[in-house]
Amino acid sequence: MKSINLQLTVEELKLLTSLASDQVFRREFIDPKMPGYKGCRADVDLGKALIGRMRAMIGDDNRTTTPAPAISRPMRQRVIA
């Protein structure tokens, strides 16, 4: 595999990461619902790995943390008249 060096600002890398993430989401969840779509799971997996590497480079680790627990709220009781 050929390696390429590219210089980007942090803002450019953040934008590129966001756009790539949106595209991978589309390929994984939206495109398969289209008639005649023939996807490649290897491309989706490679895209996810690449996005992870880009996020690690910019220090955007808040997406890799576990989600906050849901707030439990008391259930309301319905009154049937």
PDB file of N, CA and C in Angstrom:
ATOM      1  N   MET A   1       0.843  -1.170   0.000  1.00  0.00           N
ATOM      2  CA  MET A   1       0.000   0.000   0.000  1.00  0.00           C
ATOM      3  C   MET A   1       0.895   1.243   0.000  1.00  0.00           C
ATOM      4  N   LYS A   2       0.576   2.190  -0.825  1.00  0.00           N
ATOM      5  CA  LYS A   2       1.346   3.420  -0.941  1.00  0.00           C
ATOM      6  C   LYS A   2       0.949   4.392   0.161  1.00  0.00           C
ATOM      7  N   SER A   3       1.929   5.048   0.760  1.00  0.00           N
ATOM      8  CA  SER A   3       1.681   6.009   1.826  1.00  0.00           C
ATOM      9  C   SER A   3       1.810   7.424   1.274  1.00  0.00           C
ATOM     10  N   ILE A   4       0.915   8.310   1.708  1.00  0.00           N
ATOM     11  CA  ILE A   4       0.904   9.694   1.242  1.00  0.00           C
ATOM     12  C   ILE A   4       0.952  10.609   2.451  1.00  0.00           C
ATOM     13  N   ASN A   5       1.773  11.650   2.389  1.00  0.00           N
ATOM     14  CA  ASN A   5       1.827  12.656   3.449  1.00  0.00           C
ATOM     15  C   ASN A   5       0.978  13.849   3.039  1.00  0.00           C
ATOM     16  N   LEU A   6       0.193  14.351   3.978  1.00  0.00           N
ATOM     17  CA  LEU A   6      -0.704  15.460   3.713  1.00  0.00           C
ATOM     18  C   LEU A   6      -0.703  16.372   4.926  1.00  0.00           C
ATOM     19  N   GLN A   7      -0.527  17.658   4.717  1.00  0.00           N
ATOM     20  CA  GLN A   7      -0.539  18.601   5.822  1.00  0.00           C
ATOM     21  C   GLN A   7      -1.900  19.273   5.888  1.00  0.00           C
ATOM     22  N   LEU A   8      -2.519  19.200   7.085  1.00  0.00           N
ATOM     23  CA  LEU A   8      -3.824  19.800   7.319  1.00  0.00           C
ATOM     24  C   LEU A   8      -3.790  20.558   8.633  1.00  0.00           C
ATOM     25  N   THR A   9      -4.621  21.585   8.733  1.00  0.00           N
ATOM     26  CA  THR A   9      -4.803  22.236  10.016  1.00  0.00           C
ATOM     27  C   THR A   9      -5.747  21.378  10.853  1.00  0.00           C
ATOM     28  N   VAL A  10      -5.792  21.639  12.141  1.00  0.00           N
ATOM     29  CA  VAL A  10      -6.687  20.878  13.015  1.00  0.00           C
ATOM     30  C   VAL A  10      -8.131  21.085  12.583  1.00  0.00           C
ATOM     31  N   GLU A  11      -8.489  22.310  12.205  1.00  0.00           N
ATOM     32  CA  GLU A  11      -9.857  22.593  11.765  1.00  0.00           C
ATOM     33  C   GLU A  11     -10.196  21.817  10.499  1.00  0.00           C
ATOM     34  N   GLU A  12      -9.255  21.743   9.563  1.00  0.00           N
ATOM     35  CA  GLU A  12      -9.479  20.986   8.331  1.00  0.00           C
ATOM     36  C   GLU A  12      -9.644  19.501   8.622  1.00  0.00           C
ATOM     37  N   LEU A  13      -8.827  18.982   9.539  1.00  0.00           N
ATOM     38  CA  LEU A  13      -8.929  17.569   9.892  1.00  0.00           C
ATOM     39  C   LEU A  13     -10.239  17.265  10.606  1.00  0.00           C
ATOM     40  N   LYS A  14     -10.698  18.182  11.457  1.00  0.00           N
ATOM     41  CA  LYS A  14     -11.991  18.003  12.125  1.00  0.00           C
ATOM     42  C   LYS A  14     -13.119  17.961  11.101  1.00  0.00           C
ATOM     43  N   LEU A  15     -13.087  18.863  10.124  1.00  0.00           N
ATOM     44  CA  LEU A  15     -14.114  18.883   9.085  1.00  0.00           C
ATOM     45  C   LEU A  15     -14.068  17.614   8.253  1.00  0.00           C
ATOM     46  N   LEU A  16     -12.879  17.204   7.866  1.00  0.00           N
ATOM     47  CA  LEU A  16     -12.728  15.995   7.063  1.00  0.00           C
ATOM     48  C   LEU A  16     -13.214  14.765   7.828  1.00  0.00           C
ATOM     49  N   THR A  17     -12.923  14.713   9.122  1.00  0.00           N
ATOM     50  CA  THR A  17     -13.385  13.604   9.955  1.00  0.00           C
ATOM     51  C   THR A  17     -14.904  13.576  10.030  1.00  0.00           C
ATOM     52  N   SER A  18     -15.508  14.737  10.206  1.00  0.00           N
ATOM     53  CA  SER A  18     -16.968  14.819  10.272  1.00  0.00           C
ATOM     54  C   SER A  18     -17.608  14.377   8.958  1.00  0.00           C
ATOM     55  N   LEU A  19     -17.081  14.846   7.852  1.00  0.00           N
ATOM     56  CA  LEU A  19     -17.628  14.476   6.546  1.00  0.00           C
ATOM     57  C   LEU A  19     -17.464  12.980   6.291  1.00  0.00           C
ATOM     58  N   ALA A  20     -16.304  12.429   6.642  1.00  0.00           N
ATOM     59  CA  ALA A  20     -16.063  10.998   6.446  1.00  0.00           C
ATOM     60  C   ALA A  20     -17.000  10.176   7.320  1.00  0.00           C
ATOM     61  N   SER A  21     -17.210  10.621   8.546  1.00  0.00           N
ATOM     62  CA  SER A  21     -18.111   9.920   9.450  1.00  0.00           C
ATOM     63  C   SER A  21     -19.537   9.889   8.897  1.00  0.00           C
ATOM     64  N   ASP A  22     -19.982  11.017   8.363  1.00  0.00           N
ATOM     65  CA  ASP A  22     -21.314  11.074   7.756  1.00  0.00           C
ATOM     66  C   ASP A  22     -21.425  10.124   6.569  1.00  0.00           C
ATOM     67  N   GLN A  23     -20.383  10.051   5.763  1.00  0.00           N
ATOM     68  CA  GLN A  23     -20.404   9.192   4.582  1.00  0.00           C
ATOM     69  C   GLN A  23     -20.409   7.712   4.972  1.00  0.00           C
ATOM     70  N   VAL A  24     -19.632   7.357   5.981  1.00  0.00           N
ATOM     71  CA  VAL A  24     -19.617   5.958   6.433  1.00  0.00           C
ATOM     72  C   VAL A  24     -20.974   5.580   7.003  1.00  0.00           C
ATOM     73  N   PHE A  25     -21.580   6.490   7.762  1.00  0.00           N
ATOM     74  CA  PHE A  25     -22.927   6.229   8.290  1.00  0.00           C
ATOM     75  C   PHE A  25     -23.898   5.979   7.141  1.00  0.00           C
ATOM     76  N   ARG A  26     -23.811   6.807   6.113  1.00  0.00           N
ATOM     77  CA  ARG A  26     -24.698   6.644   4.957  1.00  0.00           C
ATOM     78  C   ARG A  26     -24.488   5.289   4.290  1.00  0.00           C
ATOM     79  N   ARG A  27     -23.233   4.917   4.092  1.00  0.00           N
ATOM     80  CA  ARG A  27     -22.948   3.634   3.439  1.00  0.00           C
ATOM     81  C   ARG A  27     -23.388   2.440   4.276  1.00  0.00           C
ATOM     82  N   GLU A  28     -23.345   2.604   5.604  1.00  0.00           N
ATOM     83  CA  GLU A  28     -23.692   1.473   6.462  1.00  0.00           C
ATOM     84  C   GLU A  28     -25.194   1.334   6.677  1.00  0.00           C
ATOM     85  N   PHE A  29     -25.915   2.449   6.820  1.00  0.00           N
ATOM     86  CA  PHE A  29     -27.317   2.373   7.223  1.00  0.00           C
ATOM     87  C   PHE A  29     -28.329   2.849   6.178  1.00  0.00           C
ATOM     88  N   ILE A  30     -27.982   3.804   5.362  1.00  0.00           N
ATOM     89  CA  ILE A  30     -28.959   4.381   4.426  1.00  0.00           C
ATOM     90  C   ILE A  30     -28.903   3.712   3.062  1.00  0.00           C
ATOM     91  N   ASP A  31     -27.705   3.619   2.482  1.00  0.00           N
ATOM     92  CA  ASP A  31     -27.572   3.054   1.136  1.00  0.00           C
ATOM     93  C   ASP A  31     -28.100   1.628   1.006  1.00  0.00           C
ATOM     94  N   PRO A  32     -27.914   0.752   2.005  1.00  0.00           N
ATOM     95  CA  PRO A  32     -28.433  -0.616   1.839  1.00  0.00           C
ATOM     96  C   PRO A  32     -29.943  -0.689   1.641  1.00  0.00           C
ATOM     97  N   LYS A  33     -30.652   0.359   1.994  1.00  0.00           N
ATOM     98  CA  LYS A  33     -32.105   0.374   1.817  1.00  0.00           C
ATOM     99  C   LYS A  33     -32.512   0.774   0.401  1.00  0.00           C
ATOM    100  N   MET A  34     -31.556   1.199  -0.401  1.00  0.00           N
ATOM    101  CA  MET A  34     -31.829   1.596  -1.780  1.00  0.00           C
ATOM    102  C   MET A  34     -31.912   0.358  -2.665  1.00  0.00           C
ATOM    103  N   PRO A  35     -32.868   0.331  -3.586  1.00  0.00           N
ATOM    104  CA  PRO A  35     -32.984  -0.826  -4.492  1.00  0.00           C
ATOM    105  C   PRO A  35     -31.716  -0.995  -5.328  1.00  0.00           C
ATOM    106  N   GLY A  36     -31.237  -2.211  -5.406  1.00  0.00           N
ATOM    107  CA  GLY A  36     -30.087  -2.523  -6.240  1.00  0.00           C
ATOM    108  C   GLY A  36     -28.742  -2.199  -5.617  1.00  0.00           C
ATOM    109  N   TYR A  37     -28.723  -1.771  -4.374  1.00  0.00           N
ATOM    110  CA  TYR A  37     -27.463  -1.406  -3.727  1.00  0.00           C
ATOM    111  C   TYR A  37     -26.607  -2.639  -3.492  1.00  0.00           C
ATOM    112  N   LYS A  38     -25.335  -2.541  -3.840  1.00  0.00           N
ATOM    113  CA  LYS A  38     -24.377  -3.614  -3.584  1.00  0.00           C
ATOM    114  C   LYS A  38     -23.207  -2.986  -2.825  1.00  0.00           C
ATOM    115  N   GLY A  39     -23.195  -3.199  -1.534  1.00  0.00           N
ATOM    116  CA  GLY A  39     -22.178  -2.590  -0.696  1.00  0.00           C
ATOM    117  C   GLY A  39     -20.977  -3.476  -0.490  1.00  0.00           C
ATOM    118  N   CYS A  40     -19.969  -2.883   0.110  1.00  0.00           N
ATOM    119  CA  CYS A  40     -18.748  -3.600   0.424  1.00  0.00           C
ATOM    120  C   CYS A  40     -18.450  -3.371   1.901  1.00  0.00           C
ATOM    121  N   ARG A  41     -18.667  -4.395   2.709  1.00  0.00           N
ATOM    122  CA  ARG A  41     -18.466  -4.279   4.158  1.00  0.00           C
ATOM    123  C   ARG A  41     -17.019  -3.905   4.492  1.00  0.00           C
ATOM    124  N   ALA A  42     -16.074  -4.358   3.682  1.00  0.00           N
ATOM    125  CA  ALA A  42     -14.666  -4.047   3.931  1.00  0.00           C
ATOM    126  C   ALA A  42     -14.412  -2.542   3.841  1.00  0.00           C
ATOM    127  N   ASP A  43     -15.085  -1.861   2.911  1.00  0.00           N
ATOM    128  CA  ASP A  43     -14.934  -0.409   2.785  1.00  0.00           C
ATOM    129  C   ASP A  43     -15.483   0.314   4.014  1.00  0.00           C
ATOM    130  N   VAL A  44     -16.614  -0.145   4.523  1.00  0.00           N
ATOM    131  CA  VAL A  44     -17.202   0.463   5.724  1.00  0.00           C
ATOM    132  C   VAL A  44     -16.269   0.265   6.915  1.00  0.00           C
ATOM    133  N   ASP A  45     -15.738  -0.933   7.061  1.00  0.00           N
ATOM    134  CA  ASP A  45     -14.821  -1.215   8.166  1.00  0.00           C
ATOM    135  C   ASP A  45     -13.540  -0.392   8.053  1.00  0.00           C
ATOM    136  N   LEU A  46     -13.008  -0.269   6.852  1.00  0.00           N
ATOM    137  CA  LEU A  46     -11.811   0.543   6.635  1.00  0.00           C
ATOM    138  C   LEU A  46     -12.101   2.007   6.946  1.00  0.00           C
ATOM    139  N   GLY A  47     -13.271   2.485   6.550  1.00  0.00           N
ATOM    140  CA  GLY A  47     -13.663   3.861   6.837  1.00  0.00           C
ATOM    141  C   GLY A  47     -13.776   4.125   8.331  1.00  0.00           C
ATOM    142  N   LYS A  48     -14.346   3.179   9.058  1.00  0.00           N
ATOM    143  CA  LYS A  48     -14.463   3.329  10.511  1.00  0.00           C
ATOM    144  C   LYS A  48     -13.085   3.380  11.167  1.00  0.00           C
ATOM    145  N   ALA A  49     -12.182   2.532  10.709  1.00  0.00           N
ATOM    146  CA  ALA A  49     -10.823   2.525  11.257  1.00  0.00           C
ATOM    147  C   ALA A  49     -10.109   3.847  10.959  1.00  0.00           C
ATOM    148  N   LEU A  50     -10.288   4.343   9.757  1.00  0.00           N
ATOM    149  CA  LEU A  50      -9.669   5.610   9.369  1.00  0.00           C
ATOM    150  C   LEU A  50     -10.219   6.771  10.191  1.00  0.00           C
ATOM    151  N   ILE A  51     -11.514   6.799  10.406  1.00  0.00           N
ATOM    152  CA  ILE A  51     -12.128   7.851  11.213  1.00  0.00           C
ATOM    153  C   ILE A  51     -11.598   7.786  12.642  1.00  0.00           C
ATOM    154  N   GLY A  52     -11.437   6.589  13.171  1.00  0.00           N
ATOM    155  CA  GLY A  52     -10.869   6.440  14.502  1.00  0.00           C
ATOM    156  C   GLY A  52      -9.460   6.989  14.591  1.00  0.00           C
ATOM    157  N   ARG A  53      -8.654   6.724  13.569  1.00  0.00           N
ATOM    158  CA  ARG A  53      -7.291   7.253  13.546  1.00  0.00           C
ATOM    159  C   ARG A  53      -7.282   8.773  13.447  1.00  0.00           C
ATOM    160  N   MET A  54      -8.168   9.334  12.637  1.00  0.00           N
ATOM    161  CA  MET A  54      -8.221  10.798  12.506  1.00  0.00           C
ATOM    162  C   MET A  54      -8.670  11.440  13.817  1.00  0.00           C
ATOM    163  N   ARG A  55      -9.653  10.832  14.484  1.00  0.00           N
ATOM    164  CA  ARG A  55     -10.115  11.377  15.767  1.00  0.00           C
ATOM    165  C   ARG A  55      -9.019  11.305  16.820  1.00  0.00           C
ATOM    166  N   ALA A  56      -8.235  10.241  16.794  1.00  0.00           N
ATOM    167  CA  ALA A  56      -7.130  10.117  17.736  1.00  0.00           C
ATOM    168  C   ALA A  56      -6.080  11.204  17.479  1.00  0.00           C
ATOM    169  N   MET A  57      -5.871  11.549  16.218  1.00  0.00           N
ATOM    170  CA  MET A  57      -4.888  12.578  15.872  1.00  0.00           C
ATOM    171  C   MET A  57      -5.297  13.955  16.377  1.00  0.00           C
ATOM    172  N   ILE A  58      -6.599  14.236  16.352  1.00  0.00           N
ATOM    173  CA  ILE A  58      -7.050  15.559  16.793  1.00  0.00           C
ATOM    174  C   ILE A  58      -7.447  15.556  18.262  1.00  0.00           C
ATOM    175  N   GLY A  59      -7.341  14.395  18.906  1.00  0.00           N
ATOM    176  CA  GLY A  59      -7.666  14.320  20.325  1.00  0.00           C
ATOM    177  C   GLY A  59      -9.146  14.361  20.601  1.00  0.00           C
ATOM    178  N   ASP A  60      -9.957  13.966  19.637  1.00  0.00           N
ATOM    179  CA  ASP A  60     -11.417  13.963  19.785  1.00  0.00           C
ATOM    180  C   ASP A  60     -11.835  12.619  20.356  1.00  0.00           C
ATOM    181  N   ASP A  61     -11.510  12.399  21.641  1.00  0.00           N
ATOM    182  CA  ASP A  61     -11.819  11.120  22.240  1.00  0.00           C
ATOM    183  C   ASP A  61     -13.163  11.106  22.944  1.00  0.00           C
ATOM    184  N   ASN A  62     -13.917  12.200  22.889  1.00  0.00           N
ATOM    185  CA  ASN A  62     -15.219  12.211  23.551  1.00  0.00           C
ATOM    186  C   ASN A  62     -16.228  11.331  22.826  1.00  0.00           C
ATOM    187  N   ARG A  63     -15.983  10.932  21.607  1.00  0.00           N
ATOM    188  CA  ARG A  63     -16.901  10.043  20.891  1.00  0.00           C
ATOM    189  C   ARG A  63     -16.622   8.579  21.198  1.00  0.00           C
ATOM    190  N   THR A  64     -15.470   8.305  21.804  1.00  0.00           N
ATOM    191  CA  THR A  64     -15.139   6.916  22.087  1.00  0.00           C
ATOM    192  C   THR A  64     -15.455   6.543  23.526  1.00  0.00           C
ATOM    193  N   THR A  65     -15.929   7.494  24.324  1.00  0.00           N
ATOM    194  CA  THR A  65     -16.264   7.191  25.707  1.00  0.00           C
ATOM    195  C   THR A  65     -17.636   6.547  25.777  1.00  0.00           C
ATOM    196  N   THR A  66     -17.891   5.905  26.886  1.00  0.00           N
ATOM    197  CA  THR A  66     -19.196   5.281  27.049  1.00  0.00           C
ATOM    198  C   THR A  66     -20.242   6.354  27.277  1.00  0.00           C
ATOM    199  N   PRO A  67     -21.452   6.148  26.794  1.00  0.00           N
ATOM    200  CA  PRO A  67     -22.487   7.160  26.956  1.00  0.00           C
ATOM    201  C   PRO A  67     -22.902   7.303  28.412  1.00  0.00           C
ATOM    202  N   ALA A  68     -23.371   8.485  28.743  1.00  0.00           N
ATOM    203  CA  ALA A  68     -23.840   8.743  30.098  1.00  0.00           C
ATOM    204  C   ALA A  68     -25.091   7.916  30.365  1.00  0.00           C
ATOM    205  N   PRO A  69     -25.258   7.467  31.588  1.00  0.00           N
ATOM    206  CA  PRO A  69     -26.462   6.683  31.880  1.00  0.00           C
ATOM    207  C   PRO A  69     -27.712   7.534  31.738  1.00  0.00           C
ATOM    208  N   ALA A  70     -28.775   6.900  31.335  1.00  0.00           N
ATOM    209  CA  ALA A  70     -30.036   7.615  31.149  1.00  0.00           C
ATOM    210  C   ALA A  70     -30.592   8.041  32.500  1.00  0.00           C
ATOM    211  N   ILE A  71     -31.235   9.176  32.515  1.00  0.00           N
ATOM    212  CA  ILE A  71     -31.847   9.682  33.732  1.00  0.00           C
ATOM    213  C   ILE A  71     -33.167   8.959  33.929  1.00  0.00           C
ATOM    214  N   SER A  72     -33.309   8.329  35.082  1.00  0.00           N
ATOM    215  CA  SER A  72     -34.573   7.640  35.325  1.00  0.00           C
ATOM    216  C   SER A  72     -35.570   8.628  35.907  1.00  0.00           C
ATOM    217  N   ARG A  73     -36.744   8.607  35.370  1.00  0.00           N
ATOM    218  CA  ARG A  73     -37.817   9.492  35.818  1.00  0.00           C
ATOM    219  C   ARG A  73     -38.968   8.642  36.319  1.00  0.00           C
ATOM    220  N   PRO A  74     -39.631   9.102  37.341  1.00  0.00           N
ATOM    221  CA  PRO A  74     -40.769   8.314  37.819  1.00  0.00           C
ATOM    222  C   PRO A  74     -41.858   8.243  36.753  1.00  0.00           C
ATOM    223  N   MET A  75     -42.499   7.107  36.689  1.00  0.00           N
ATOM    224  CA  MET A  75     -43.564   6.923  35.706  1.00  0.00           C
ATOM    225  C   MET A  75     -44.825   7.640  36.181  1.00  0.00           C
ATOM    226  N   ARG A  76     -45.527   8.208  35.242  1.00  0.00           N
ATOM    227  CA  ARG A  76     -46.816   8.840  35.565  1.00  0.00           C
ATOM    228  C   ARG A  76     -47.893   7.788  35.486  1.00  0.00           C
ATOM    229  N   GLN A  77     -48.831   7.904  36.363  1.00  0.00           N
ATOM    230  CA  GLN A  77     -49.962   7.004  36.298  1.00  0.00           C
ATOM    231  C   GLN A  77     -51.101   7.704  35.604  1.00  0.00           C
ATOM    232  N   ARG A  78     -51.724   6.976  34.691  1.00  0.00           N
ATOM    233  CA  ARG A  78     -52.866   7.549  33.991  1.00  0.00           C
ATOM    234  C   ARG A  78     -54.127   7.358  34.800  1.00  0.00           C
ATOM    235  N   VAL A  79     -54.910   8.381  34.812  1.00  0.00           N
ATOM    236  CA  VAL A  79     -56.192   8.288  35.495  1.00  0.00           C
ATOM    237  C   VAL A  79     -57.256   8.067  34.443  1.00  0.00           C
ATOM    238  N   ILE A  80     -57.972   6.975  34.544  1.00  0.00           N
ATOM    239  CA  ILE A  80     -59.035   6.678  33.580  1.00  0.00           C
ATOM    240  C   ILE A  80     -60.359   7.068  34.207  1.00  0.00           C
ATOM    241  N   ALA A  81     -61.045   7.966  33.539  1.00  0.00           N
ATOM    242  CA  ALA A  81     -62.329   8.453  34.090  1.00  0.00           C
ATOM    243  C   ALA A  81     -63.493   7.779  33.441  1.00  0.00           C
TER     244      ALA A  81
END
